[in-house]
C-alpha atoms as a PDB file:
ATOM      1  CA  MET A   1      26.751  -8.920  -9.704  1.00  0.00           C
ATOM      2  CA  MET A   2      25.600  -7.450  -6.423  1.00  0.00           C
ATOM      3  CA  GLN A   3      26.878  -9.013  -3.244  1.00  0.00           C
ATOM      4  CA  ASN A   4      24.511 -10.497  -0.692  1.00  0.00           C
ATOM      5  CA  ARG A   5      24.442  -7.621   1.776  1.00  0.00           C
ATOM      6  CA  SER A   6      23.502  -7.875   5.407  1.00  0.00           C
ATOM      7  CA  LEU A   7      20.096  -6.480   6.297  1.00  0.00           C
ATOM      8  CA  ILE A   8      21.500  -3.496   8.164  1.00  0.00           C
ATOM      9  CA  GLU A   9      23.211  -2.332   4.941  1.00  0.00           C
ATOM     10  CA  LEU A  10      19.885  -2.082   3.091  1.00  0.00           C
ATOM     11  CA  LYS A  11      17.759   1.033   2.704  1.00  0.00           C
ATOM     12  CA  ASN A  12      14.976   1.389   5.288  1.00  0.00           C
ATOM     13  CA  ILE A  13      16.356  -1.343   7.551  1.00  0.00           C
ATOM     14  CA  GLY A  14      17.543  -0.240  10.979  1.00  0.00           C
ATOM     15  CA  LYS A  15      18.658  -2.237  13.980  1.00  0.00           C
ATOM     16  CA  LYS A  16      15.164  -3.039  15.278  1.00  0.00           C
ATOM     17  CA  ILE A  17      13.783  -4.195  11.935  1.00  0.00           C
ATOM     18  CA  SER A  18      16.958  -6.154  11.222  1.00  0.00           C
ATOM     19  CA  ALA A  19      16.640  -7.892  14.595  1.00  0.00           C
ATOM     20  CA  ARG A  20      12.986  -8.711  13.928  1.00  0.00           C
ATOM     21  CA  LEU A  21      13.877 -10.244  10.571  1.00  0.00           C
ATOM     22  CA  ASN A  22      16.650 -12.266  12.207  1.00  0.00           C
ATOM     23  CA  GLU A  23      14.149 -13.616  14.739  1.00  0.00           C
ATOM     24  CA  VAL A  24      12.091 -15.148  11.933  1.00  0.00           C
ATOM     25  CA  GLY A  25      15.109 -16.547  10.088  1.00  0.00           C
ATOM     26  CA  ILE A  26      15.882 -13.809   7.565  1.00  0.00           C
ATOM     27  CA  PHE A  27      19.503 -12.684   7.784  1.00  0.00           C
ATOM     28  CA  SER A  28      20.491 -11.279   4.388  1.00  0.00           C
ATOM     29  CA  GLU A  29      19.397  -9.317   1.357  1.00  0.00           C
ATOM     30  CA  ASP A  30      19.018 -12.512  -0.688  1.00  0.00           C
ATOM     31  CA  GLU A  31      16.835 -14.123   1.965  1.00  0.00           C
ATOM     32  CA  LEU A  32      14.629 -11.027   2.166  1.00  0.00           C
ATOM     33  CA  LYS A  33      14.291 -11.054  -1.635  1.00  0.00           C
ATOM     34  CA  PHE A  34      13.486 -14.772  -1.551  1.00  0.00           C
ATOM     35  CA  TYR A  35      10.596 -14.314   0.891  1.00  0.00           C
ATOM     36  CA  GLY A  36       9.449 -10.937  -0.387  1.00  0.00           C
ATOM     37  CA  ALA A  37       8.021  -8.016   1.544  1.00  0.00           C
ATOM     38  CA  ALA A  38       4.562  -9.454   2.230  1.00  0.00           C
ATOM     39  CA  LYS A  39       5.802 -12.864   3.393  1.00  0.00           C
ATOM     40  CA  ALA A  40       8.462 -11.278   5.637  1.00  0.00           C
ATOM     41  CA  HIS A  41       5.774  -9.014   7.125  1.00  0.00           C
ATOM     42  CA  LYS A  42       3.504 -12.018   7.755  1.00  0.00           C
ATOM     43  CA  MET A  43       6.351 -13.957   9.382  1.00  0.00           C
ATOM     44  CA  ILE A  44       6.955 -11.128  11.847  1.00  0.00           C
ATOM     45  CA  LYS A  45       3.223 -10.684  12.414  1.00  0.00           C
ATOM     46  CA  ASN A  46       2.955 -14.383  13.287  1.00  0.00           C
ATOM     47  CA  GLN A  47       5.873 -14.011  15.709  1.00  0.00           C
ATOM     48  CA  TYR A  48       4.223 -10.980  17.378  1.00  0.00           C
ATOM     49  CA  PRO A  49       0.474 -11.529  16.948  1.00  0.00           C
ATOM     50  CA  ASP A  50      -0.558  -8.929  19.523  1.00  0.00           C
ATOM     51  CA  GLU A  51       1.635  -6.161  18.168  1.00  0.00           C
ATOM     52  CA  VAL A  52       0.481  -3.623  15.612  1.00  0.00           C
ATOM     53  CA  LEU A  53       3.062  -3.499  12.830  1.00  0.00           C
ATOM     54  CA  PRO A  54       2.931  -0.146  11.033  1.00  0.00           C
ATOM     55  CA  VAL A  55       2.982  -0.955   7.322  1.00  0.00           C
ATOM     56  CA  CYS A  56       5.409   1.857   6.535  1.00  0.00           C
ATOM     57  CA  TYR A  57       7.931   0.554   9.061  1.00  0.00           C
ATOM     58  CA  TYR A  58       7.717  -3.063   8.029  1.00  0.00           C
ATOM     59  CA  LEU A  59       5.920  -3.909   4.811  1.00  0.00           C
ATOM     60  CA  TYR A  60       7.002  -0.841   2.844  1.00  0.00           C
ATOM     61  CA  SER A  61      10.480  -0.855   4.376  1.00  0.00           C
ATOM     62  CA  PHE A  62      10.980  -4.427   3.204  1.00  0.00           C
ATOM     63  CA  GLU A  63       9.769  -3.618  -0.297  1.00  0.00           C
ATOM     64  CA  GLY A  64      11.996  -0.549  -0.440  1.00  0.00           C
ATOM     65  CA  ALA A  65      14.974  -2.564   0.813  1.00  0.00           C
ATOM     66  CA  ILE A  66      14.378  -5.186  -1.874  1.00  0.00           C
ATOM     67  CA  LYS A  67      14.153  -2.494  -4.575  1.00  0.00           C
ATOM     68  CA  ASN A  68      16.878  -0.279  -3.061  1.00  0.00           C
ATOM     69  CA  ILE A  69      14.587   2.743  -2.741  1.00  0.00           C
ATOM     70  CA  HIS A  70      13.181   4.714   0.181  1.00  0.00           C
ATOM     71  CA  TRP A  71       9.866   3.210   1.277  1.00  0.00           C
ATOM     72  CA  ASN A  72       8.094   6.493   0.588  1.00  0.00           C
ATOM     73  CA  ASP A  73       9.099   6.252  -3.090  1.00  0.00           C
ATOM     74  CA  ILE A  74       7.085   3.069  -3.622  1.00  0.00           C
ATOM     75  CA  GLY A  75       4.149   3.996  -5.822  1.00  0.00           C
ATOM     76  CA  GLU A  76       0.621   3.918  -4.459  1.00  0.00           C
ATOM     77  CA  PRO A  77      -0.456   1.066  -6.777  1.00  0.00           C
ATOM     78  CA  ARG A  78       2.347  -1.147  -5.409  1.00  0.00           C
ATOM     79  CA  LYS A  79       1.543  -0.122  -1.836  1.00  0.00           C
ATOM     80  CA  ARG A  80      -2.057  -1.213  -2.412  1.00  0.00           C
ATOM     81  CA  GLU A  81      -0.865  -4.537  -3.886  1.00  0.00           C
ATOM     82  CA  LEU A  82       1.325  -5.134  -0.850  1.00  0.00           C
ATOM     83  CA  GLN A  83      -1.517  -4.316   1.539  1.00  0.00           C
ATOM     84  CA  HIS A  84      -3.727  -6.743  -0.356  1.00  0.00           C
ATOM     85  CA  GLU A  85      -1.053  -9.471  -0.084  1.00  0.00           C
ATOM     86  CA  ILE A  86      -1.012  -9.238   3.711  1.00  0.00           C
ATOM     87  CA  SER A  87      -4.771  -8.946   4.223  1.00  0.00           C
END
């Protein structure tokens, strides 16, 4: 069984993104998985309504972190699904 890693240990998650997730109440791998990429993205968007959040830095990074892959390796169909979920 995989341990519940801290966000900074996950693929695609650096200090800034980890801090943003913490600000909206997400502190661990399990919590990120619980909310999912789209919901986590929306939570940050609600926290920073005037800021443009690049999907590759947030939405795709979250999905990649959840799946333990680089965000660029997420297939185009899944990227489109994720974009639809946040629209």
